[in-house]
Amino acid sequence: MEKTKLDHETEDWLIAFLSGELDEREEENVRVWLEASQENRNAYESLMKDYLRIRWVQEDVHIREEQAKKDNILFFEKEKESDAL
């Protein structure tokens, strides 16, 4: 499947759709756009895959950062305990 190049406005519009930021009328416009051609559906599918990969990476980074904060707090708590002994 060849990747269709989207203009920035259409890409932003579809990302807003994926993010749940559009109202019902705008969502219907996306559905009409998707039904208009296979090329549009292919472009949407490609963008959706990229969007989901980015979201997954962002979530993974967030989880790792939160774990690092917890680990750091535990490290300093244990260090304080050993200094108190």
C-alpha atoms as a PDB file:
ATOM      1  CA  MET A   1       0.000   0.000   0.000  1.00  0.00           C
ATOM      2  CA  GLU A   2       1.493   3.308  -1.108  1.00  0.00           C
ATOM      3  CA  LYS A   3       1.442   6.034   1.515  1.00  0.00           C
ATOM      4  CA  THR A   4      -0.734   8.992   0.534  1.00  0.00           C
ATOM      5  CA  LYS A   5       0.679  12.387   1.400  1.00  0.00           C
ATOM      6  CA  LEU A   6      -1.800  14.509   3.346  1.00  0.00           C
ATOM      7  CA  ASP A   7      -1.684  18.269   3.574  1.00  0.00           C
ATOM      8  CA  HIS A   8      -1.136  19.644   7.087  1.00  0.00           C
ATOM      9  CA  GLU A   9      -4.711  20.855   7.467  1.00  0.00           C
ATOM     10  CA  THR A  10      -6.173  17.430   6.641  1.00  0.00           C
ATOM     11  CA  GLU A  11      -3.638  15.698   8.859  1.00  0.00           C
ATOM     12  CA  ASP A  12      -4.470  18.016  11.793  1.00  0.00           C
ATOM     13  CA  TRP A  13      -8.190  17.440  11.159  1.00  0.00           C
ATOM     14  CA  LEU A  14      -7.769  13.667  11.219  1.00  0.00           C
ATOM     15  CA  ILE A  15      -5.580  13.795  14.332  1.00  0.00           C
ATOM     16  CA  ALA A  16      -8.290  15.847  16.038  1.00  0.00           C
ATOM     17  CA  PHE A  17     -10.726  13.095  15.014  1.00  0.00           C
ATOM     18  CA  LEU A  18      -8.468  10.393  16.435  1.00  0.00           C
ATOM     19  CA  SER A  19      -8.053  12.403  19.640  1.00  0.00           C
ATOM     20  CA  GLY A  20     -11.814  12.799  20.096  1.00  0.00           C
ATOM     21  CA  GLU A  21     -11.633  16.577  19.736  1.00  0.00           C
ATOM     22  CA  LEU A  22     -14.277  17.006  17.024  1.00  0.00           C
ATOM     23  CA  ASP A  23     -17.979  17.651  17.487  1.00  0.00           C
ATOM     24  CA  GLU A  24     -20.591  15.335  15.927  1.00  0.00           C
ATOM     25  CA  ARG A  25     -20.867  17.374  12.707  1.00  0.00           C
ATOM     26  CA  GLU A  26     -17.098  17.380  12.194  1.00  0.00           C
ATOM     27  CA  GLU A  27     -16.927  13.644  12.928  1.00  0.00           C
ATOM     28  CA  GLU A  28     -19.585  13.056  10.279  1.00  0.00           C
ATOM     29  CA  ASN A  29     -17.499  15.092   7.832  1.00  0.00           C
ATOM     30  CA  VAL A  30     -14.565  12.759   8.516  1.00  0.00           C
ATOM     31  CA  ARG A  31     -16.759   9.721   7.889  1.00  0.00           C
ATOM     32  CA  VAL A  32     -17.949  11.223   4.587  1.00  0.00           C
ATOM     33  CA  TRP A  33     -14.331  11.962   3.637  1.00  0.00           C
ATOM     34  CA  LEU A  34     -13.367   8.365   4.458  1.00  0.00           C
ATOM     35  CA  GLU A  35     -16.213   6.971   2.364  1.00  0.00           C
ATOM     36  CA  ALA A  36     -15.243   9.174  -0.593  1.00  0.00           C
ATOM     37  CA  SER A  37     -12.276   7.057  -1.709  1.00  0.00           C
ATOM     38  CA  GLN A  38     -10.001   4.159  -0.963  1.00  0.00           C
ATOM     39  CA  GLU A  39      -7.083   6.595  -1.141  1.00  0.00           C
ATOM     40  CA  ASN A  40      -8.598   8.574   1.742  1.00  0.00           C
ATOM     41  CA  ARG A  41      -9.110   5.410   3.778  1.00  0.00           C
ATOM     42  CA  ASN A  42      -5.522   4.314   3.120  1.00  0.00           C
ATOM     43  CA  ALA A  43      -4.196   7.728   4.156  1.00  0.00           C
ATOM     44  CA  TYR A  44      -6.309   7.625   7.329  1.00  0.00           C
ATOM     45  CA  GLU A  45      -5.165   4.110   8.187  1.00  0.00           C
ATOM     46  CA  SER A  46      -1.519   5.066   7.735  1.00  0.00           C
ATOM     47  CA  LEU A  47      -1.924   8.199   9.845  1.00  0.00           C
ATOM     48  CA  MET A  48      -3.821   6.249  12.511  1.00  0.00           C
ATOM     49  CA  LYS A  49      -1.004   3.691  12.778  1.00  0.00           C
ATOM     50  CA  ASP A  50       1.594   6.454  13.146  1.00  0.00           C
ATOM     51  CA  TYR A  51      -0.598   8.274  15.676  1.00  0.00           C
ATOM     52  CA  LEU A  52      -1.100   5.144  17.766  1.00  0.00           C
ATOM     53  CA  ARG A  53       2.631   4.337  17.713  1.00  0.00           C
ATOM     54  CA  ILE A  54       3.426   7.854  18.925  1.00  0.00           C
ATOM     55  CA  ARG A  55       0.772   7.640  21.661  1.00  0.00           C
ATOM     56  CA  TRP A  56       2.134   4.264  22.759  1.00  0.00           C
ATOM     57  CA  VAL A  57       5.682   5.643  22.967  1.00  0.00           C
ATOM     58  CA  GLN A  58       4.474   8.706  24.897  1.00  0.00           C
ATOM     59  CA  GLU A  59       2.611   6.490  27.350  1.00  0.00           C
ATOM     60  CA  ASP A  60       5.629   4.200  27.729  1.00  0.00           C
ATOM     61  CA  VAL A  61       7.896   7.185  28.428  1.00  0.00           C
ATOM     62  CA  HIS A  62       5.417   8.510  30.979  1.00  0.00           C
ATOM     63  CA  ILE A  63       5.237   5.154  32.761  1.00  0.00           C
ATOM     64  CA  ARG A  64       9.034   4.874  32.836  1.00  0.00           C
ATOM     65  CA  GLU A  65       9.372   8.434  34.175  1.00  0.00           C
ATOM     66  CA  GLU A  66       6.854   7.742  36.930  1.00  0.00           C
ATOM     67  CA  GLN A  67       8.634   4.513  37.842  1.00  0.00           C
ATOM     68  CA  ALA A  68      11.991   6.312  37.912  1.00  0.00           C
ATOM     69  CA  LYS A  69      10.535   8.921  40.289  1.00  0.00           C
ATOM     70  CA  LYS A  70       9.239   6.165  42.582  1.00  0.00           C
ATOM     71  CA  ASP A  71      12.560   4.332  42.436  1.00  0.00           C
ATOM     72  CA  ASN A  72      14.434   7.543  43.196  1.00  0.00           C
ATOM     73  CA  ILE A  73      12.211   8.307  46.196  1.00  0.00           C
ATOM     74  CA  LEU A  74      12.664   4.768  47.522  1.00  0.00           C
ATOM     75  CA  PHE A  75      16.436   5.015  47.022  1.00  0.00           C
ATOM     76  CA  PHE A  76      16.653   8.244  49.035  1.00  0.00           C
ATOM     77  CA  GLU A  77      14.366   6.891  51.762  1.00  0.00           C
ATOM     78  CA  LYS A  78      16.600   3.824  52.131  1.00  0.00           C
ATOM     79  CA  GLU A  79      19.685   6.043  52.102  1.00  0.00           C
ATOM     80  CA  LYS A  80      18.234   8.176  54.924  1.00  0.00           C
ATOM     81  CA  GLU A  81      17.431   5.031  56.923  1.00  0.00           C
ATOM     82  CA  SER A  82      20.969   3.738  56.588  1.00  0.00           C
ATOM     83  CA  ASP A  83      22.393   7.170  57.549  1.00  0.00           C
ATOM     84  CA  ALA A  84      20.225   7.154  60.662  1.00  0.00           C
ATOM     85  CA  LEU A  85      21.737   3.849  61.791  1.00  0.00           C
END
